C-alpha cells in the first residue's frame, strides 16, 4: 500500500460513526509483512518518578514490571496484572523477561532523565498551544464517578467532570478555534458518550481519560 492511498482522506459526514473508517482505504487487506505487529507500550517523560509512580500505581492501579537505570536515565515499565495474579513479585519477574515483555500489550513506560527533578521547566504534555501533539492516556474503570471522587480527594486535578460534553471541556483549545480549526460543538450523536468519561491530569500535566467499562 502506498502513502498516496491516504493522501486525500474522506472524513465522512459530521456526526457519522463509521466502523473501519470512512472508506475501505483505511483497512486494506492484512499484509504478511506486518503479521504479528502489536502496540506494546507508550512512553512519557516524567520529572519526579516518585510522584508519577504514586499516581499510576497507587491511584490508577498499575504495578511496576521492572525499572532499569541506564546511566543518563531510568525507565519504569508499568502494567496491569491479570486478575488472577496472586503473587505480584512472580508476575513482575515473568513479565519482565524479554520474550514475555515484548509480547505484552498495554504497558506504560515512565522515562526519567536524571537531574530533571525540581527543574523549573515543565514537560510538554502535548495540549498546550502551540506545542500540540500528544493528546491523552486512556484508562477504563468500573465506576467513573466514584473514581473521580476518589482522585479528587487525593488532590488530582479534574479537567473534565462526568456529565459534561461542552467544547470547552474536551481537548480543543481556543488557540485552535481562533485559527479557524477544530471549531463547533460536540455533535449531538456523541455528546451522550462524551458525558460518560472524565479527564484528569497526572503530576506532569499529561491528560488521562477515565472511561466506564460498561456504557448503557
C-alpha atoms as a PDB file:
ATOM      1  CA  UNK A   1       0.000   0.000   0.000  1.00  0.00           C
ATOM      2  CA  UNK A   2       1.478   3.363  -0.987  1.00  0.00           C
ATOM      3  CA  UNK A   3       1.351   6.632   1.021  1.00  0.00           C
ATOM      4  CA  UNK A   4      -0.804   8.051  -1.779  1.00  0.00           C
ATOM      5  CA  UNK A   5      -3.634   5.793  -0.629  1.00  0.00           C
ATOM      6  CA  UNK A   6      -4.084   8.137   2.344  1.00  0.00           C
ATOM      7  CA  UNK A   7      -3.259  11.392   0.526  1.00  0.00           C
ATOM      8  CA  UNK A   8      -6.882  12.580   0.464  1.00  0.00           C
ATOM      9  CA  UNK A   9      -8.872  11.191   3.365  1.00  0.00           C
ATOM     10  CA  UNK A  10     -12.663  11.388   3.340  1.00  0.00           C
ATOM     11  CA  UNK A  11     -13.867  12.460   6.778  1.00  0.00           C
ATOM     12  CA  UNK A  12     -17.452  11.369   6.421  1.00  0.00           C
ATOM     13  CA  UNK A  13     -20.432  13.499   7.343  1.00  0.00           C
ATOM     14  CA  UNK A  14     -20.415  15.342  10.649  1.00  0.00           C
ATOM     15  CA  UNK A  15     -21.886  13.087  13.311  1.00  0.00           C
ATOM     16  CA  UNK A  16     -21.228   9.866  11.400  1.00  0.00           C
ATOM     17  CA  UNK A  17     -19.877   6.797  13.195  1.00  0.00           C
ATOM     18  CA  UNK A  18     -18.052   4.582  10.721  1.00  0.00           C
ATOM     19  CA  UNK A  19     -16.529   1.275  11.900  1.00  0.00           C
ATOM     20  CA  UNK A  20     -13.394   0.694   9.860  1.00  0.00           C
ATOM     21  CA  UNK A  21     -13.229   4.335   8.771  1.00  0.00           C
ATOM     22  CA  UNK A  22     -14.887   6.387   6.018  1.00  0.00           C
ATOM     23  CA  UNK A  23     -13.743   4.069   3.239  1.00  0.00           C
ATOM     24  CA  UNK A  24     -12.113   0.730   2.513  1.00  0.00           C
ATOM     25  CA  UNK A  25      -8.855   2.636   2.033  1.00  0.00           C
ATOM     26  CA  UNK A  26      -8.466   2.737   5.822  1.00  0.00           C
ATOM     27  CA  UNK A  27      -8.411  -1.047   6.147  1.00  0.00           C
ATOM     28  CA  UNK A  28      -6.729  -2.692   3.165  1.00  0.00           C
ATOM     29  CA  UNK A  29      -6.232  -6.470   3.286  1.00  0.00           C
ATOM     30  CA  UNK A  30      -3.843  -7.620   6.006  1.00  0.00           C
ATOM     31  CA  UNK A  31      -0.283  -7.730   4.739  1.00  0.00           C
ATOM     32  CA  UNK A  32       2.004 -10.631   5.524  1.00  0.00           C
ATOM     33  CA  UNK A  33       4.780  -8.083   6.082  1.00  0.00           C
ATOM     34  CA  UNK A  34       3.074  -6.807   9.263  1.00  0.00           C
ATOM     35  CA  UNK A  35       1.618 -10.045  10.616  1.00  0.00           C
ATOM     36  CA  UNK A  36       2.115 -10.120  14.383  1.00  0.00           C
ATOM     37  CA  UNK A  37       2.690  -6.370  14.811  1.00  0.00           C
ATOM     38  CA  UNK A  38       1.166  -5.098  18.090  1.00  0.00           C
ATOM     39  CA  UNK A  39       1.263  -1.883  20.073  1.00  0.00           C
ATOM     40  CA  UNK A  40       3.406  -2.874  23.055  1.00  0.00           C
ATOM     41  CA  UNK A  41       3.925   0.260  25.127  1.00  0.00           C
ATOM     42  CA  UNK A  42       3.698   4.023  25.306  1.00  0.00           C
ATOM     43  CA  UNK A  43       6.491   6.125  26.865  1.00  0.00           C
ATOM     44  CA  UNK A  44       6.145   9.531  28.505  1.00  0.00           C
ATOM     45  CA  UNK A  45       8.773  11.772  30.092  1.00  0.00           C
ATOM     46  CA  UNK A  46       8.400  12.404  33.817  1.00  0.00           C
ATOM     47  CA  UNK A  47      10.303  14.779  36.095  1.00  0.00           C
ATOM     48  CA  UNK A  48       9.621  13.284  39.532  1.00  0.00           C
ATOM     49  CA  UNK A  49       9.422   9.462  39.421  1.00  0.00           C
ATOM     50  CA  UNK A  50       8.130   9.219  43.000  1.00  0.00           C
ATOM     51  CA  UNK A  51       5.049  11.328  42.336  1.00  0.00           C
ATOM     52  CA  UNK A  52       4.409   9.713  38.926  1.00  0.00           C
ATOM     53  CA  UNK A  53       4.671   6.230  40.421  1.00  0.00           C
ATOM     54  CA  UNK A  54       2.277   7.232  43.204  1.00  0.00           C
ATOM     55  CA  UNK A  55      -0.196   8.447  40.579  1.00  0.00           C
ATOM     56  CA  UNK A  56      -0.069   5.450  38.257  1.00  0.00           C
ATOM     57  CA  UNK A  57       0.454   2.752  40.911  1.00  0.00           C
ATOM     58  CA  UNK A  58      -1.460   3.908  43.990  1.00  0.00           C
ATOM     59  CA  UNK A  59      -4.196   5.881  42.242  1.00  0.00           C
ATOM     60  CA  UNK A  60      -4.669   4.074  38.900  1.00  0.00           C
ATOM     61  CA  UNK A  61      -3.833   0.512  39.929  1.00  0.00           C
ATOM     62  CA  UNK A  62      -0.826  -0.219  37.711  1.00  0.00           C
ATOM     63  CA  UNK A  63       2.183  -2.153  39.016  1.00  0.00           C
ATOM     64  CA  UNK A  64       5.890  -1.938  38.221  1.00  0.00           C
ATOM     65  CA  UNK A  65       7.034  -4.651  35.849  1.00  0.00           C
ATOM     66  CA  UNK A  66      10.669  -3.540  36.088  1.00  0.00           C
ATOM     67  CA  UNK A  67      12.873  -0.484  36.396  1.00  0.00           C
ATOM     68  CA  UNK A  68      16.160  -0.005  34.572  1.00  0.00           C
ATOM     69  CA  UNK A  69      18.836   2.550  35.410  1.00  0.00           C
ATOM     70  CA  UNK A  70      20.586   3.030  32.082  1.00  0.00           C
ATOM     71  CA  UNK A  71      23.018   5.698  33.327  1.00  0.00           C
ATOM     72  CA  UNK A  72      21.690   9.001  31.942  1.00  0.00           C
ATOM     73  CA  UNK A  73      18.118   7.966  32.628  1.00  0.00           C
ATOM     74  CA  UNK A  74      15.920   5.408  34.366  1.00  0.00           C
ATOM     75  CA  UNK A  75      12.840   3.847  32.863  1.00  0.00           C
ATOM     76  CA  UNK A  76       9.956   2.287  34.764  1.00  0.00           C
ATOM     77  CA  UNK A  77       7.710  -0.141  32.921  1.00  0.00           C
ATOM     78  CA  UNK A  78       4.200  -0.389  34.344  1.00  0.00           C
ATOM     79  CA  UNK A  79       1.313  -2.702  33.590  1.00  0.00           C
ATOM     80  CA  UNK A  80      -1.943  -4.029  34.998  1.00  0.00           C
ATOM     81  CA  UNK A  81      -1.536  -7.540  36.407  1.00  0.00           C
ATOM     82  CA  UNK A  82      -4.211 -10.049  35.390  1.00  0.00           C
ATOM     83  CA  UNK A  83      -6.997 -10.516  37.954  1.00  0.00           C
ATOM     84  CA  UNK A  84      -5.711 -13.983  38.892  1.00  0.00           C
ATOM     85  CA  UNK A  85      -2.154 -12.805  39.672  1.00  0.00           C
ATOM     86  CA  UNK A  86      -1.792 -13.768  43.335  1.00  0.00           C
ATOM     87  CA  UNK A  87       1.949 -13.155  43.608  1.00  0.00           C
ATOM     88  CA  UNK A  88       2.878  -9.760  42.133  1.00  0.00           C
ATOM     89  CA  UNK A  89       6.578 -10.498  42.520  1.00  0.00           C
ATOM     90  CA  UNK A  90       6.216 -13.620  40.417  1.00  0.00           C
ATOM     91  CA  UNK A  91       4.080 -11.735  37.855  1.00  0.00           C
ATOM     92  CA  UNK A  92       6.701  -8.961  37.574  1.00  0.00           C
ATOM     93  CA  UNK A  93       9.539 -11.474  37.284  1.00  0.00           C
ATOM     94  CA  UNK A  94       7.846 -13.379  34.479  1.00  0.00           C
ATOM     95  CA  UNK A  95       6.577 -10.298  32.628  1.00  0.00           C
ATOM     96  CA  UNK A  96       9.969  -8.591  32.754  1.00  0.00           C
ATOM     97  CA  UNK A  97      11.577 -11.430  30.811  1.00  0.00           C
ATOM     98  CA  UNK A  98      12.173 -10.107  27.310  1.00  0.00           C
ATOM     99  CA  UNK A  99      10.279 -12.863  25.425  1.00  0.00           C
ATOM    100  CA  UNK A 100       7.212 -12.169  27.581  1.00  0.00           C
ATOM    101  CA  UNK A 101       7.569  -8.398  27.870  1.00  0.00           C
ATOM    102  CA  UNK A 102       7.801  -7.901  24.115  1.00  0.00           C
ATOM    103  CA  UNK A 103       4.558  -9.843  23.655  1.00  0.00           C
ATOM    104  CA  UNK A 104       2.659  -7.990  26.385  1.00  0.00           C
ATOM    105  CA  UNK A 105       0.317  -5.216  25.290  1.00  0.00           C
ATOM    106  CA  UNK A 106      -0.792  -2.112  27.171  1.00  0.00           C
ATOM    107  CA  UNK A 107       2.430  -1.241  29.006  1.00  0.00           C
ATOM    108  CA  UNK A 108       3.334   2.286  30.092  1.00  0.00           C
ATOM    109  CA  UNK A 109       6.959   3.439  30.240  1.00  0.00           C
ATOM    110  CA  UNK A 110       7.878   6.330  32.517  1.00  0.00           C
ATOM    111  CA  UNK A 111      11.073   7.867  31.165  1.00  0.00           C
ATOM    112  CA  UNK A 112      13.056   9.886  33.717  1.00  0.00           C
ATOM    113  CA  UNK A 113      16.226  11.740  32.724  1.00  0.00           C
ATOM    114  CA  UNK A 114      18.426  12.072  35.792  1.00  0.00           C
ATOM    115  CA  UNK A 115      18.714  15.617  37.083  1.00  0.00           C
ATOM    116  CA  UNK A 116      15.345  16.883  35.893  1.00  0.00           C
ATOM    117  CA  UNK A 117      13.831  16.586  39.386  1.00  0.00           C
ATOM    118  CA  UNK A 118      12.802  20.019  40.559  1.00  0.00           C
ATOM    119  CA  UNK A 119      13.570  21.544  37.155  1.00  0.00           C
ATOM    120  CA  UNK A 120      11.560  24.707  36.630  1.00  0.00           C
ATOM    121  CA  UNK A 121      10.913  23.756  33.004  1.00  0.00           C
ATOM    122  CA  UNK A 122       7.665  21.838  32.621  1.00  0.00           C
ATOM    123  CA  UNK A 123       7.286  18.737  30.488  1.00  0.00           C
ATOM    124  CA  UNK A 124       5.336  19.481  27.310  1.00  0.00           C
ATOM    125  CA  UNK A 125       2.130  17.494  27.725  1.00  0.00           C
ATOM    126  CA  UNK A 126       1.061  17.938  24.099  1.00  0.00           C
ATOM    127  CA  UNK A 127      -2.030  20.007  24.881  1.00  0.00           C
ATOM    128  CA  UNK A 128      -0.541  23.447  25.463  1.00  0.00           C
ATOM    129  CA  UNK A 129      -0.540  25.648  22.320  1.00  0.00           C
ATOM    130  CA  UNK A 130       1.462  25.966  20.216  1.00  0.00           C
ATOM    131  CA  UNK A 131       3.131  22.673  21.218  1.00  0.00           C
ATOM    132  CA  UNK A 132       0.155  20.483  20.394  1.00  0.00           C
ATOM    133  CA  UNK A 133       0.737  16.802  19.791  1.00  0.00           C
ATOM    134  CA  UNK A 134       0.218  14.028  22.322  1.00  0.00           C
ATOM    135  CA  UNK A 135      -3.396  14.072  23.499  1.00  0.00           C
ATOM    136  CA  UNK A 136      -4.036  11.702  26.420  1.00  0.00           C
ATOM    137  CA  UNK A 137      -3.791   8.268  28.008  1.00  0.00           C
ATOM    138  CA  UNK A 138      -6.988   6.270  28.403  1.00  0.00           C
ATOM    139  CA  UNK A 139      -7.930   4.066  31.375  1.00  0.00           C
ATOM    140  CA  UNK A 140     -11.196   2.165  31.789  1.00  0.00           C
ATOM    141  CA  UNK A 141     -12.688   1.938  35.279  1.00  0.00           C
ATOM    142  CA  UNK A 142     -15.740   0.152  36.728  1.00  0.00           C
ATOM    143  CA  UNK A 143     -17.296   3.332  38.141  1.00  0.00           C
ATOM    144  CA  UNK A 144     -16.201   6.646  36.624  1.00  0.00           C
ATOM    145  CA  UNK A 145     -17.945   8.914  39.110  1.00  0.00           C
ATOM    146  CA  UNK A 146     -16.534   7.014  42.079  1.00  0.00           C
ATOM    147  CA  UNK A 147     -13.054   7.111  40.541  1.00  0.00           C
ATOM    148  CA  UNK A 148     -13.286  10.871  40.022  1.00  0.00           C
ATOM    149  CA  UNK A 149     -14.309  11.488  43.633  1.00  0.00           C
ATOM    150  CA  UNK A 150     -11.527   9.251  44.965  1.00  0.00           C
ATOM    151  CA  UNK A 151      -8.942  11.005  42.816  1.00  0.00           C
ATOM    152  CA  UNK A 152     -10.308  14.445  43.683  1.00  0.00           C
ATOM    153  CA  UNK A 153      -9.907  13.605  47.368  1.00  0.00           C
ATOM    154  CA  UNK A 154      -6.308  12.631  46.644  1.00  0.00           C
ATOM    155  CA  UNK A 155      -5.644  16.073  45.157  1.00  0.00           C
ATOM    156  CA  UNK A 156      -5.661  15.048  41.483  1.00  0.00           C
ATOM    157  CA  UNK A 157      -6.745  17.892  39.138  1.00  0.00           C
ATOM    158  CA  UNK A 158     -10.070  17.091  37.464  1.00  0.00           C
ATOM    159  CA  UNK A 159     -10.033  18.601  33.963  1.00  0.00           C
ATOM    160  CA  UNK A 160     -13.439  17.349  32.844  1.00  0.00           C
ATOM    161  CA  UNK A 161     -16.261  16.147  35.047  1.00  0.00           C
ATOM    162  CA  UNK A 162     -18.581  13.258  34.235  1.00  0.00           C
ATOM    163  CA  UNK A 163     -21.777  14.587  32.636  1.00  0.00           C
ATOM    164  CA  UNK A 164     -20.084  17.407  30.732  1.00  0.00           C
ATOM    165  CA  UNK A 165     -19.686  17.431  26.937  1.00  0.00           C
ATOM    166  CA  UNK A 166     -19.127  21.086  26.056  1.00  0.00           C
ATOM    167  CA  UNK A 167     -16.392  22.070  23.665  1.00  0.00           C
ATOM    168  CA  UNK A 168     -14.517  23.820  26.475  1.00  0.00           C
ATOM    169  CA  UNK A 169     -14.333  20.567  28.439  1.00  0.00           C
ATOM    170  CA  UNK A 170     -12.571  18.499  25.777  1.00  0.00           C
ATOM    171  CA  UNK A 171      -9.037  18.947  24.366  1.00  0.00           C
ATOM    172  CA  UNK A 172      -9.940  21.554  21.744  1.00  0.00           C
ATOM    173  CA  UNK A 173      -8.193  24.821  22.529  1.00  0.00           C
ATOM    174  CA  UNK A 174      -9.372  28.350  21.881  1.00  0.00           C
ATOM    175  CA  UNK A 175      -5.968  28.829  20.244  1.00  0.00           C
ATOM    176  CA  UNK A 176      -7.128  26.404  17.535  1.00  0.00           C
ATOM    177  CA  UNK A 177     -10.570  27.945  17.200  1.00  0.00           C
ATOM    178  CA  UNK A 178      -9.029  31.378  16.731  1.00  0.00           C
ATOM    179  CA  UNK A 179      -7.198  29.950  13.726  1.00  0.00           C
ATOM    180  CA  UNK A 180     -10.354  28.535  12.215  1.00  0.00           C
ATOM    181  CA  UNK A 181      -9.665  24.891  13.039  1.00  0.00           C
ATOM    182  CA  UNK A 182     -11.481  22.499  15.336  1.00  0.00           C
ATOM    183  CA  UNK A 183     -14.482  24.781  15.604  1.00  0.00           C
ATOM    184  CA  UNK A 184     -18.002  23.961  16.693  1.00  0.00           C
ATOM    185  CA  UNK A 185     -19.561  21.941  19.494  1.00  0.00           C
ATOM    186  CA  UNK A 186     -19.505  18.184  20.019  1.00  0.00           C
ATOM    187  CA  UNK A 187     -22.096  16.642  17.681  1.00  0.00           C
ATOM    188  CA  UNK A 188     -25.325  15.567  19.364  1.00  0.00           C
ATOM    189  CA  UNK A 189     -24.729  11.991  18.198  1.00  0.00           C
ATOM    190  CA  UNK A 190     -21.707  11.813  20.505  1.00  0.00           C
ATOM    191  CA  UNK A 191     -22.431  14.292  23.276  1.00  0.00           C
ATOM    192  CA  UNK A 192     -24.022  11.488  25.328  1.00  0.00           C
ATOM    193  CA  UNK A 193     -20.816   9.459  25.131  1.00  0.00           C
ATOM    194  CA  UNK A 194     -18.529  12.392  25.948  1.00  0.00           C
ATOM    195  CA  UNK A 195     -20.625  12.901  29.064  1.00  0.00           C
ATOM    196  CA  UNK A 196     -19.692   9.403  30.241  1.00  0.00           C
ATOM    197  CA  UNK A 197     -15.961   9.955  30.671  1.00  0.00           C
ATOM    198  CA  UNK A 198     -13.816  12.235  32.788  1.00  0.00           C
ATOM    199  CA  UNK A 199     -10.421  13.816  32.210  1.00  0.00           C
ATOM    200  CA  UNK A 200      -7.785  14.198  34.912  1.00  0.00           C
ATOM    201  CA  UNK A 201      -4.154  15.357  34.947  1.00  0.00           C
ATOM    202  CA  UNK A 202      -1.128  13.382  36.080  1.00  0.00           C
ATOM    203  CA  UNK A 203       1.714  15.063  38.027  1.00  0.00           C
ATOM    204  CA  UNK A 204       3.383  16.311  34.833  1.00  0.00           C
ATOM    205  CA  UNK A 205       0.160  17.613  33.313  1.00  0.00           C
ATOM    206  CA  UNK A 206      -0.479  14.718  30.927  1.00  0.00           C
ATOM    207  CA  UNK A 207      -4.192  14.229  30.365  1.00  0.00           C
ATOM    208  CA  UNK A 208      -5.670  10.915  31.449  1.00  0.00           C
ATOM    209  CA  UNK A 209      -9.122   9.883  30.270  1.00  0.00           C
ATOM    210  CA  UNK A 210     -11.267   7.714  32.545  1.00  0.00           C
ATOM    211  CA  UNK A 211     -13.772   5.641  30.595  1.00  0.00           C
ATOM    212  CA  UNK A 212     -16.506   3.451  32.087  1.00  0.00           C
ATOM    213  CA  UNK A 213     -16.081  -0.244  31.385  1.00  0.00           C
ATOM    214  CA  UNK A 214     -19.832  -0.575  30.900  1.00  0.00           C
ATOM    215  CA  UNK A 215     -21.819   2.042  28.971  1.00  0.00           C
ATOM    216  CA  UNK A 216     -25.578   1.863  28.875  1.00  0.00           C
END
